[in-house]
N, C-alpha and C. Protein backbone atom coordinates (compact mmCIF):
# COMPACT_ATOMS: atom_id res chain seq x y z
N UNK A 1 67.79 38.28 -29.41
CA UNK A 1 67.86 36.85 -29.19
C UNK A 1 66.53 36.19 -29.56
N UNK A 2 65.42 36.81 -29.15
CA UNK A 2 64.12 36.24 -29.47
C UNK A 2 63.80 36.33 -30.93
N UNK A 3 64.18 37.44 -31.55
CA UNK A 3 63.87 37.63 -32.97
C UNK A 3 64.67 36.67 -33.83
N UNK A 4 65.93 36.45 -33.49
CA UNK A 4 66.79 35.60 -34.31
C UNK A 4 66.66 34.12 -33.98
N UNK A 5 66.44 33.79 -32.71
CA UNK A 5 66.50 32.38 -32.36
C UNK A 5 65.25 31.79 -31.75
N UNK A 6 64.18 32.54 -31.59
CA UNK A 6 63.00 32.09 -30.88
C UNK A 6 62.47 30.74 -31.30
N UNK A 7 61.91 30.66 -32.48
CA UNK A 7 61.32 29.40 -32.94
C UNK A 7 62.34 28.28 -33.10
N UNK A 8 63.46 28.52 -33.78
CA UNK A 8 64.43 27.42 -33.93
C UNK A 8 64.97 26.91 -32.60
N UNK A 9 65.20 27.80 -31.63
CA UNK A 9 65.71 27.35 -30.33
C UNK A 9 64.70 26.49 -29.59
N UNK A 10 63.44 26.89 -29.61
CA UNK A 10 62.42 26.09 -28.93
C UNK A 10 62.24 24.76 -29.62
N UNK A 11 62.24 24.74 -30.95
CA UNK A 11 62.08 23.48 -31.67
C UNK A 11 63.24 22.54 -31.42
N UNK A 12 64.43 23.10 -31.28
CA UNK A 12 65.60 22.25 -31.12
C UNK A 12 65.88 21.88 -29.67
N UNK A 13 65.80 22.85 -28.75
CA UNK A 13 66.22 22.61 -27.37
C UNK A 13 65.09 22.69 -26.35
N UNK A 14 63.90 23.05 -26.77
CA UNK A 14 62.79 23.25 -25.85
C UNK A 14 62.40 22.02 -25.06
N UNK A 15 62.53 20.87 -25.66
CA UNK A 15 62.13 19.65 -24.95
C UNK A 15 62.96 19.42 -23.69
N UNK A 16 64.20 19.93 -23.66
CA UNK A 16 65.04 19.78 -22.47
C UNK A 16 64.55 20.67 -21.34
N UNK A 17 63.82 21.71 -21.66
CA UNK A 17 63.25 22.61 -20.66
C UNK A 17 61.75 22.41 -20.52
N UNK A 18 61.24 21.32 -21.11
CA UNK A 18 59.81 20.98 -21.12
C UNK A 18 58.98 22.08 -21.78
N UNK A 19 59.51 22.68 -22.82
CA UNK A 19 58.79 23.68 -23.60
C UNK A 19 58.42 23.09 -24.94
N UNK A 20 57.20 23.29 -25.31
CA UNK A 20 56.72 22.82 -26.60
C UNK A 20 56.61 24.01 -27.55
N UNK A 21 56.65 23.78 -28.84
CA UNK A 21 56.38 24.86 -29.79
C UNK A 21 55.00 25.48 -29.55
N UNK A 22 54.07 24.69 -28.99
CA UNK A 22 52.75 25.22 -28.67
C UNK A 22 52.83 26.33 -27.63
N UNK A 23 53.74 26.18 -26.65
CA UNK A 23 53.93 27.23 -25.65
C UNK A 23 54.36 28.52 -26.32
N UNK A 24 55.26 28.41 -27.27
CA UNK A 24 55.75 29.59 -27.96
C UNK A 24 54.63 30.23 -28.77
N UNK A 25 53.80 29.41 -29.40
CA UNK A 25 52.68 29.95 -30.18
C UNK A 25 51.70 30.70 -29.28
N UNK A 26 51.40 30.14 -28.13
CA UNK A 26 50.50 30.80 -27.17
C UNK A 26 51.09 32.12 -26.73
N UNK A 27 52.39 32.12 -26.43
CA UNK A 27 53.06 33.34 -25.99
C UNK A 27 53.04 34.40 -27.07
N UNK A 28 53.31 34.02 -28.29
CA UNK A 28 53.33 34.98 -29.40
C UNK A 28 51.93 35.56 -29.63
N UNK A 29 50.90 34.71 -29.58
CA UNK A 29 49.53 35.20 -29.76
C UNK A 29 49.15 36.18 -28.64
N UNK A 30 49.51 35.85 -27.40
CA UNK A 30 49.26 36.75 -26.29
C UNK A 30 49.98 38.07 -26.51
N UNK A 31 51.21 37.96 -26.94
CA UNK A 31 52.03 39.15 -27.13
C UNK A 31 51.50 40.03 -28.25
N UNK A 32 50.96 39.43 -29.29
CA UNK A 32 50.39 40.23 -30.37
C UNK A 32 49.18 41.04 -29.90
N UNK A 33 48.39 40.49 -28.98
CA UNK A 33 47.23 41.20 -28.47
C UNK A 33 47.59 42.21 -27.38
N UNK A 34 48.49 41.81 -26.48
CA UNK A 34 48.75 42.60 -25.28
C UNK A 34 50.22 42.96 -25.10
N UNK A 35 50.96 43.04 -26.17
CA UNK A 35 52.41 43.23 -26.08
C UNK A 35 52.83 44.50 -25.38
N UNK A 36 52.19 45.62 -25.70
CA UNK A 36 52.62 46.89 -25.12
C UNK A 36 52.48 46.89 -23.60
N UNK A 37 51.30 46.53 -23.13
CA UNK A 37 51.07 46.55 -21.69
C UNK A 37 51.87 45.45 -21.00
N UNK A 38 52.12 44.35 -21.70
CA UNK A 38 52.90 43.26 -21.13
C UNK A 38 54.31 43.72 -20.83
N UNK A 39 54.94 44.42 -21.76
CA UNK A 39 56.29 44.93 -21.54
C UNK A 39 56.30 45.85 -20.34
N UNK A 40 55.33 46.76 -20.27
CA UNK A 40 55.27 47.72 -19.18
C UNK A 40 55.11 47.03 -17.83
N UNK A 41 54.14 46.12 -17.72
CA UNK A 41 53.85 45.45 -16.45
C UNK A 41 55.00 44.53 -16.04
N UNK A 42 55.59 43.85 -17.00
CA UNK A 42 56.66 42.90 -16.66
C UNK A 42 57.92 43.58 -16.14
N UNK A 43 58.05 44.86 -16.33
CA UNK A 43 59.19 45.59 -15.77
C UNK A 43 59.09 45.69 -14.26
N UNK A 44 57.93 45.35 -13.69
CA UNK A 44 57.73 45.38 -12.24
C UNK A 44 57.88 44.00 -11.60
N UNK A 45 58.06 42.97 -12.41
CA UNK A 45 58.09 41.60 -11.90
C UNK A 45 59.52 41.08 -11.91
N UNK A 46 60.08 40.78 -10.73
CA UNK A 46 61.45 40.25 -10.69
C UNK A 46 61.59 39.00 -11.55
N UNK A 47 62.71 38.79 -12.13
CA UNK A 47 63.10 37.69 -13.01
C UNK A 47 62.41 37.83 -14.37
N UNK A 48 61.10 38.05 -14.40
CA UNK A 48 60.38 38.17 -15.66
C UNK A 48 60.87 39.39 -16.43
N UNK A 49 61.24 40.46 -15.70
CA UNK A 49 61.67 41.68 -16.38
C UNK A 49 62.89 41.42 -17.28
N UNK A 50 63.67 40.41 -16.94
CA UNK A 50 64.86 40.10 -17.73
C UNK A 50 64.54 39.19 -18.92
N UNK A 51 63.47 38.44 -18.82
CA UNK A 51 63.13 37.47 -19.86
C UNK A 51 62.10 37.97 -20.87
N UNK A 52 61.41 39.05 -20.56
CA UNK A 52 60.31 39.51 -21.39
C UNK A 52 60.77 39.94 -22.78
N UNK A 53 62.03 40.29 -22.91
CA UNK A 53 62.50 40.73 -24.22
C UNK A 53 62.56 39.57 -25.23
N UNK A 54 62.59 38.34 -24.76
CA UNK A 54 62.62 37.20 -25.69
C UNK A 54 61.29 37.09 -26.45
N UNK A 55 60.13 37.05 -25.77
CA UNK A 55 58.89 37.03 -26.56
C UNK A 55 58.67 38.32 -27.34
N UNK A 56 59.21 39.43 -26.85
CA UNK A 56 59.09 40.68 -27.62
C UNK A 56 59.84 40.54 -28.94
N UNK A 57 60.99 39.89 -28.92
CA UNK A 57 61.75 39.67 -30.15
C UNK A 57 61.07 38.68 -31.07
N UNK A 58 60.56 37.59 -30.48
CA UNK A 58 59.87 36.59 -31.30
C UNK A 58 58.64 37.21 -31.96
N UNK A 59 57.94 38.06 -31.21
CA UNK A 59 56.76 38.73 -31.75
C UNK A 59 57.09 39.91 -32.64
N UNK A 60 58.37 40.15 -32.88
CA UNK A 60 58.84 41.26 -33.73
C UNK A 60 58.25 42.61 -33.30
N UNK A 61 58.29 42.87 -32.00
CA UNK A 61 57.78 44.14 -31.49
C UNK A 61 58.66 45.28 -31.98
N UNK A 62 58.05 46.38 -32.28
CA UNK A 62 58.77 47.58 -32.71
C UNK A 62 59.76 47.97 -31.62
N UNK A 63 61.02 48.16 -32.00
CA UNK A 63 62.08 48.46 -31.04
C UNK A 63 61.84 49.78 -30.32
N UNK A 64 61.31 50.77 -31.01
CA UNK A 64 61.03 52.06 -30.38
C UNK A 64 59.95 51.92 -29.31
N UNK A 65 58.87 51.17 -29.61
CA UNK A 65 57.82 50.94 -28.62
C UNK A 65 58.36 50.13 -27.44
N UNK A 66 59.14 49.11 -27.73
CA UNK A 66 59.73 48.29 -26.68
C UNK A 66 60.59 49.15 -25.77
N UNK A 67 61.42 49.99 -26.36
CA UNK A 67 62.31 50.85 -25.58
C UNK A 67 61.51 51.84 -24.74
N UNK A 68 60.44 52.39 -25.30
CA UNK A 68 59.61 53.35 -24.57
C UNK A 68 58.98 52.70 -23.34
N UNK A 69 58.32 51.56 -23.53
CA UNK A 69 57.68 50.89 -22.40
C UNK A 69 58.70 50.39 -21.38
N UNK A 70 59.86 49.98 -21.84
CA UNK A 70 60.92 49.58 -20.93
C UNK A 70 61.40 50.78 -20.11
N UNK A 71 61.59 51.91 -20.76
CA UNK A 71 62.04 53.11 -20.07
C UNK A 71 61.03 53.56 -19.01
N UNK A 72 59.77 53.61 -19.39
CA UNK A 72 58.73 54.06 -18.45
C UNK A 72 58.59 53.08 -17.29
N UNK A 73 58.43 51.80 -17.60
CA UNK A 73 58.27 50.79 -16.54
C UNK A 73 59.49 50.68 -15.65
N UNK A 74 60.67 50.69 -16.24
CA UNK A 74 61.90 50.60 -15.45
C UNK A 74 62.11 51.82 -14.57
N UNK A 75 61.77 52.98 -15.08
CA UNK A 75 61.92 54.20 -14.30
C UNK A 75 60.98 54.19 -13.09
N UNK A 76 59.74 53.79 -13.30
CA UNK A 76 58.80 53.73 -12.18
C UNK A 76 59.25 52.71 -11.15
N UNK A 77 59.65 51.53 -11.60
CA UNK A 77 60.09 50.48 -10.68
C UNK A 77 61.31 50.93 -9.89
N UNK A 78 62.29 51.48 -10.55
CA UNK A 78 63.50 51.92 -9.85
C UNK A 78 63.21 53.08 -8.91
N UNK A 79 62.26 53.94 -9.25
CA UNK A 79 61.88 55.03 -8.36
C UNK A 79 61.23 54.49 -7.09
N UNK A 80 60.39 53.47 -7.25
CA UNK A 80 59.77 52.84 -6.08
C UNK A 80 60.84 52.23 -5.19
N UNK A 81 61.78 51.51 -5.78
CA UNK A 81 62.86 50.91 -4.99
C UNK A 81 63.71 51.96 -4.30
N UNK A 82 63.99 53.04 -4.99
CA UNK A 82 64.76 54.13 -4.40
C UNK A 82 64.02 54.74 -3.21
N UNK A 83 62.73 55.01 -3.38
CA UNK A 83 61.93 55.58 -2.31
C UNK A 83 61.90 54.65 -1.09
N UNK A 84 61.64 53.35 -1.34
CA UNK A 84 61.62 52.39 -0.23
C UNK A 84 62.98 52.29 0.46
N UNK A 85 64.04 52.33 -0.32
CA UNK A 85 65.37 52.28 0.26
C UNK A 85 65.65 53.47 1.16
N UNK A 86 65.23 54.64 0.74
CA UNK A 86 65.43 55.85 1.56
C UNK A 86 64.61 55.76 2.85
N UNK A 87 63.34 55.36 2.72
CA UNK A 87 62.46 55.30 3.90
C UNK A 87 62.82 54.16 4.85
N UNK A 88 63.16 53.02 4.30
CA UNK A 88 63.45 51.86 5.14
C UNK A 88 64.90 51.78 5.60
N UNK A 89 65.76 52.54 4.99
CA UNK A 89 67.18 52.50 5.33
C UNK A 89 67.46 52.80 6.78
N UNK A 90 66.67 53.66 7.38
CA UNK A 90 66.86 54.04 8.79
C UNK A 90 66.52 52.88 9.72
N UNK A 91 65.71 51.97 9.27
CA UNK A 91 65.24 50.86 10.11
C UNK A 91 65.74 49.52 9.60
N UNK A 92 66.86 49.51 8.93
CA UNK A 92 67.32 48.29 8.28
C UNK A 92 67.64 47.17 9.26
N UNK A 93 68.13 47.49 10.45
CA UNK A 93 68.44 46.45 11.43
C UNK A 93 67.19 45.68 11.83
N UNK A 94 66.08 46.37 12.02
CA UNK A 94 64.82 45.71 12.39
C UNK A 94 64.32 44.86 11.22
N UNK A 95 64.36 45.41 10.03
CA UNK A 95 63.91 44.68 8.84
C UNK A 95 64.76 43.44 8.63
N UNK A 96 66.05 43.57 8.76
CA UNK A 96 66.96 42.44 8.55
C UNK A 96 66.69 41.33 9.57
N UNK A 97 66.37 41.71 10.78
CA UNK A 97 66.08 40.73 11.84
C UNK A 97 64.88 39.86 11.48
N UNK A 98 63.83 40.44 10.93
CA UNK A 98 62.60 39.70 10.63
C UNK A 98 62.55 39.16 9.20
N UNK A 99 63.40 39.61 8.34
CA UNK A 99 63.31 39.20 6.93
C UNK A 99 63.68 37.74 6.70
N UNK A 100 64.44 37.13 7.59
CA UNK A 100 64.82 35.73 7.39
C UNK A 100 63.61 34.82 7.39
N UNK A 101 62.63 35.10 8.24
CA UNK A 101 61.42 34.28 8.29
C UNK A 101 60.67 34.38 6.96
N UNK A 102 60.55 35.58 6.44
CA UNK A 102 59.87 35.78 5.16
C UNK A 102 60.63 35.08 4.05
N UNK A 103 61.96 35.11 4.10
CA UNK A 103 62.78 34.43 3.09
C UNK A 103 62.48 32.93 3.04
N UNK A 104 62.36 32.30 4.19
CA UNK A 104 62.10 30.86 4.23
C UNK A 104 60.75 30.53 3.59
N UNK A 105 59.73 31.31 3.93
CA UNK A 105 58.41 31.07 3.33
C UNK A 105 58.44 31.34 1.84
N UNK A 106 59.14 32.35 1.41
CA UNK A 106 59.23 32.68 -0.01
C UNK A 106 59.92 31.56 -0.78
N UNK A 107 61.04 31.08 -0.28
CA UNK A 107 61.78 30.00 -0.95
C UNK A 107 60.94 28.72 -0.96
N UNK A 108 60.27 28.42 0.15
CA UNK A 108 59.41 27.22 0.19
C UNK A 108 58.28 27.34 -0.83
N UNK A 109 57.69 28.51 -0.94
CA UNK A 109 56.62 28.72 -1.92
C UNK A 109 57.11 28.54 -3.34
N UNK A 110 58.28 29.08 -3.64
CA UNK A 110 58.86 28.93 -4.98
C UNK A 110 59.14 27.46 -5.28
N UNK A 111 59.68 26.74 -4.30
CA UNK A 111 59.97 25.32 -4.52
C UNK A 111 58.70 24.50 -4.74
N UNK A 112 57.65 24.81 -4.00
CA UNK A 112 56.39 24.09 -4.14
C UNK A 112 55.77 24.36 -5.51
N UNK A 113 55.71 25.63 -5.89
CA UNK A 113 55.14 25.98 -7.19
C UNK A 113 56.00 25.42 -8.32
N UNK A 114 57.31 25.48 -8.17
CA UNK A 114 58.21 24.93 -9.19
C UNK A 114 58.05 23.43 -9.35
N UNK A 115 57.92 22.73 -8.24
CA UNK A 115 57.72 21.27 -8.30
C UNK A 115 56.39 20.93 -8.94
N UNK A 116 55.34 21.69 -8.59
CA UNK A 116 54.02 21.47 -9.20
C UNK A 116 54.09 21.71 -10.70
N UNK A 117 54.71 22.81 -11.12
CA UNK A 117 54.79 23.14 -12.54
C UNK A 117 55.60 22.08 -13.30
N UNK A 118 56.75 21.69 -12.74
CA UNK A 118 57.59 20.68 -13.39
C UNK A 118 56.84 19.37 -13.54
N UNK A 119 56.13 18.96 -12.49
CA UNK A 119 55.37 17.71 -12.55
C UNK A 119 54.27 17.80 -13.61
N UNK A 120 53.58 18.93 -13.64
CA UNK A 120 52.52 19.14 -14.63
C UNK A 120 53.08 19.08 -16.05
N UNK A 121 54.20 19.73 -16.30
CA UNK A 121 54.82 19.72 -17.62
C UNK A 121 55.30 18.33 -17.98
N UNK A 122 55.85 17.63 -17.02
CA UNK A 122 56.34 16.28 -17.26
C UNK A 122 55.20 15.34 -17.64
N UNK A 123 54.06 15.47 -16.95
CA UNK A 123 52.91 14.64 -17.28
C UNK A 123 52.40 14.93 -18.68
N UNK A 124 52.31 16.19 -19.02
CA UNK A 124 51.88 16.57 -20.38
C UNK A 124 52.84 16.03 -21.44
N UNK A 125 54.11 16.13 -21.13
CA UNK A 125 55.13 15.67 -22.09
C UNK A 125 55.05 14.16 -22.28
N UNK A 126 54.89 13.42 -21.19
CA UNK A 126 54.84 11.96 -21.32
C UNK A 126 53.53 11.49 -21.93
N UNK A 127 52.43 12.22 -21.72
CA UNK A 127 51.17 11.84 -22.34
C UNK A 127 51.20 12.05 -23.85
N UNK A 128 51.93 13.05 -24.31
CA UNK A 128 52.04 13.29 -25.76
C UNK A 128 52.89 12.24 -26.43
N UNK A 129 53.88 11.71 -25.68
CA UNK A 129 54.80 10.74 -26.25
C UNK A 129 54.19 9.38 -26.27
């Protein structure tokens, strides 16, 4: 998807998501310098792990290298989740009881950061226009 549609999609539809072609250029330059480690590290970050393949495609990353770093990063991440699930599974009732409080703070934090980012992008977009 990134290899075939990256630049044209951002040029055509990016303004609806407050993305500029400059954002794509910055991402591609970053990816050219740090692409290998970026793929590996992003496999540990929720949500980002699903989107990282788009800049990898735009940057024309070697498919074999991409697959290797995805396999290694994904295996480590899933092993950590498996281990935590085994260890915490016995105490799930206690964890579930207290996790609601953490959920509220997490959602509030995401909303605050999202609102800040959207406002920042909107200001940049209107100043350019």
